[in-house]
């Protein structure tokens, strides 16, 4: 991880901060959100530090495809595929991105309102 500053999610990847990991491989880690906004609220992150969606490179296309495969797998494991779910990516402070590490919120298990926020 090539970060100049401490990153909460990088510390979770490294095991420095305990979390409820629900999926892990060499490129992706998924864990339960500590402040869930739905009965199922999982954060899916790349192992490599990418500050936000704005820093995704062309070479990250395989990684992004893999993340979506993990989303599909978790949606099935948590039975979110049956009634639906929301996948959210926030970018920047006005969006609510609290941790500057690319992450996907997988939310489900209840009817979600629209518009969000």
Protein backbone atom coordinates (compact mmCIF):
# COMPACT_ATOMS: atom_id res chain seq x y z
CA UNK A 1 0.00 0.00 0.00
CA UNK A 2 1.56 3.21 -1.19
CA UNK A 3 -0.03 5.78 1.10
CA UNK A 4 1.78 8.66 2.73
CA UNK A 5 -0.71 8.86 5.59
CA UNK A 6 -2.35 6.29 7.80
CA UNK A 7 -5.50 4.97 6.17
CA UNK A 8 -8.19 3.31 8.25
CA UNK A 9 -9.09 0.83 5.51
CA UNK A 10 -5.43 0.02 4.75
CA UNK A 11 -5.03 -0.76 8.47
CA UNK A 12 -8.06 -3.09 8.26
CA UNK A 13 -6.49 -4.84 5.26
CA UNK A 14 -3.25 -5.25 7.23
CA UNK A 15 -5.09 -6.59 10.29
CA UNK A 16 -4.04 -3.66 12.47
CA UNK A 17 -7.68 -2.80 13.14
CA UNK A 18 -10.09 -5.62 13.90
CA UNK A 19 -13.16 -5.92 11.73
CA UNK A 20 -15.70 -8.52 10.72
CA UNK A 21 -14.20 -9.65 7.42
CA UNK A 22 -16.73 -11.46 5.24
CA UNK A 23 -14.56 -11.88 2.13
CA UNK A 24 -10.84 -11.67 1.40
CA UNK A 25 -8.57 -12.49 -1.49
CA UNK A 26 -5.32 -10.99 -2.79
CA UNK A 27 -7.07 -7.98 -4.36
CA UNK A 28 -10.28 -7.34 -2.41
CA UNK A 29 -11.45 -7.25 1.21
CA UNK A 30 -15.07 -6.98 2.31
CA UNK A 31 -16.19 -6.32 5.87
CA UNK A 32 -19.26 -5.29 7.83
CA UNK A 33 -19.71 -1.55 8.32
CA UNK A 34 -19.37 -0.53 11.98
CA UNK A 35 -22.24 1.95 11.56
CA UNK A 36 -24.70 -0.03 9.41
CA UNK A 37 -27.40 1.88 7.54
CA UNK A 38 -29.34 -1.27 6.65
CA UNK A 39 -29.62 -4.81 8.07
CA UNK A 40 -26.86 -5.79 5.62
CA UNK A 41 -24.18 -3.14 5.14
CA UNK A 42 -20.89 -4.43 3.77
CA UNK A 43 -17.94 -2.37 2.58
CA UNK A 44 -15.98 -3.80 -0.34
CA UNK A 45 -12.53 -2.31 -0.90
CA UNK A 46 -9.51 -2.92 -3.08
CA UNK A 47 -6.48 -4.08 -1.11
CA UNK A 48 -4.38 -1.53 -3.00
CA UNK A 49 -4.92 2.00 -1.74
CA UNK A 50 -6.93 4.02 -4.27
CA UNK A 51 -8.11 7.28 -2.65
CA UNK A 52 -11.38 7.61 -4.57
CA UNK A 53 -13.21 6.78 -7.77
CA UNK A 54 -11.42 9.77 -9.34
CA UNK A 55 -8.06 8.02 -8.98
CA UNK A 56 -9.08 4.84 -10.80
CA UNK A 57 -6.73 4.20 -13.73
CA UNK A 58 -7.38 2.45 -17.05
CA UNK A 59 -5.25 -0.41 -15.77
CA UNK A 60 -7.75 -0.96 -12.93
CA UNK A 61 -10.46 -2.40 -15.19
CA UNK A 62 -9.74 -6.01 -14.18
CA UNK A 63 -9.79 -5.02 -10.49
CA UNK A 64 -13.14 -3.26 -10.90
CA UNK A 65 -14.59 -6.26 -12.72
CA UNK A 66 -13.40 -8.47 -9.89
CA UNK A 67 -15.00 -6.17 -7.29
CA UNK A 68 -18.33 -6.50 -9.09
CA UNK A 69 -17.95 -10.30 -9.05
CA UNK A 70 -17.43 -10.09 -5.28
CA UNK A 71 -20.55 -7.89 -5.01
CA UNK A 72 -22.55 -10.53 -6.90
CA UNK A 73 -21.19 -13.32 -4.68
CA UNK A 74 -21.98 -11.44 -1.46
CA UNK A 75 -25.46 -10.47 -2.73
CA UNK A 76 -26.20 -14.17 -3.18
CA UNK A 77 -24.61 -15.22 0.14
CA UNK A 78 -26.67 -12.65 2.04
CA UNK A 79 -29.76 -13.38 -0.08
CA UNK A 80 -29.93 -9.76 -1.22
CA UNK A 81 -30.45 -10.96 -4.78
CA UNK A 82 -33.99 -12.04 -3.85
CA UNK A 83 -35.44 -8.58 -3.07
CA UNK A 84 -32.75 -6.19 -4.24
CA UNK A 85 -29.90 -4.15 -2.87
CA UNK A 86 -28.11 -0.87 -3.37
CA UNK A 87 -24.45 -0.44 -4.29
CA UNK A 88 -23.07 3.02 -3.45
CA UNK A 89 -19.74 4.71 -4.15
CA UNK A 90 -19.22 8.11 -2.53
CA UNK A 91 -16.52 10.48 -3.78
CA UNK A 92 -15.38 13.52 -1.83
CA UNK A 93 -16.52 15.17 1.39
CA UNK A 94 -19.85 16.49 0.14
CA UNK A 95 -20.89 12.95 -0.81
CA UNK A 96 -20.17 11.63 2.65
CA UNK A 97 -16.92 9.83 1.82
CA UNK A 98 -15.42 9.66 5.31
CA UNK A 99 -12.43 7.43 4.48
CA UNK A 100 -10.22 8.38 1.53
CA UNK A 101 -9.94 4.82 0.19
CA UNK A 102 -12.17 3.64 -2.65
CA UNK A 103 -15.02 1.60 -1.19
CA UNK A 104 -18.35 0.23 -2.27
CA UNK A 105 -21.29 0.10 0.16
CA UNK A 106 -23.46 -2.98 -0.35
CA UNK A 107 -26.79 -2.24 1.39
CA UNK A 108 -29.87 -4.41 1.67
CA UNK A 109 -32.21 -6.37 3.86
CA UNK A 110 -34.92 -3.69 3.97
CA UNK A 111 -36.79 -1.43 1.57
CA UNK A 112 -34.49 1.46 0.71
CA UNK A 113 -35.97 4.89 0.06
CA UNK A 114 -35.31 7.13 -2.91
CA UNK A 115 -33.80 9.59 -3.22
CA UNK A 116 -31.07 8.65 -0.77
CA UNK A 117 -29.64 11.35 1.47
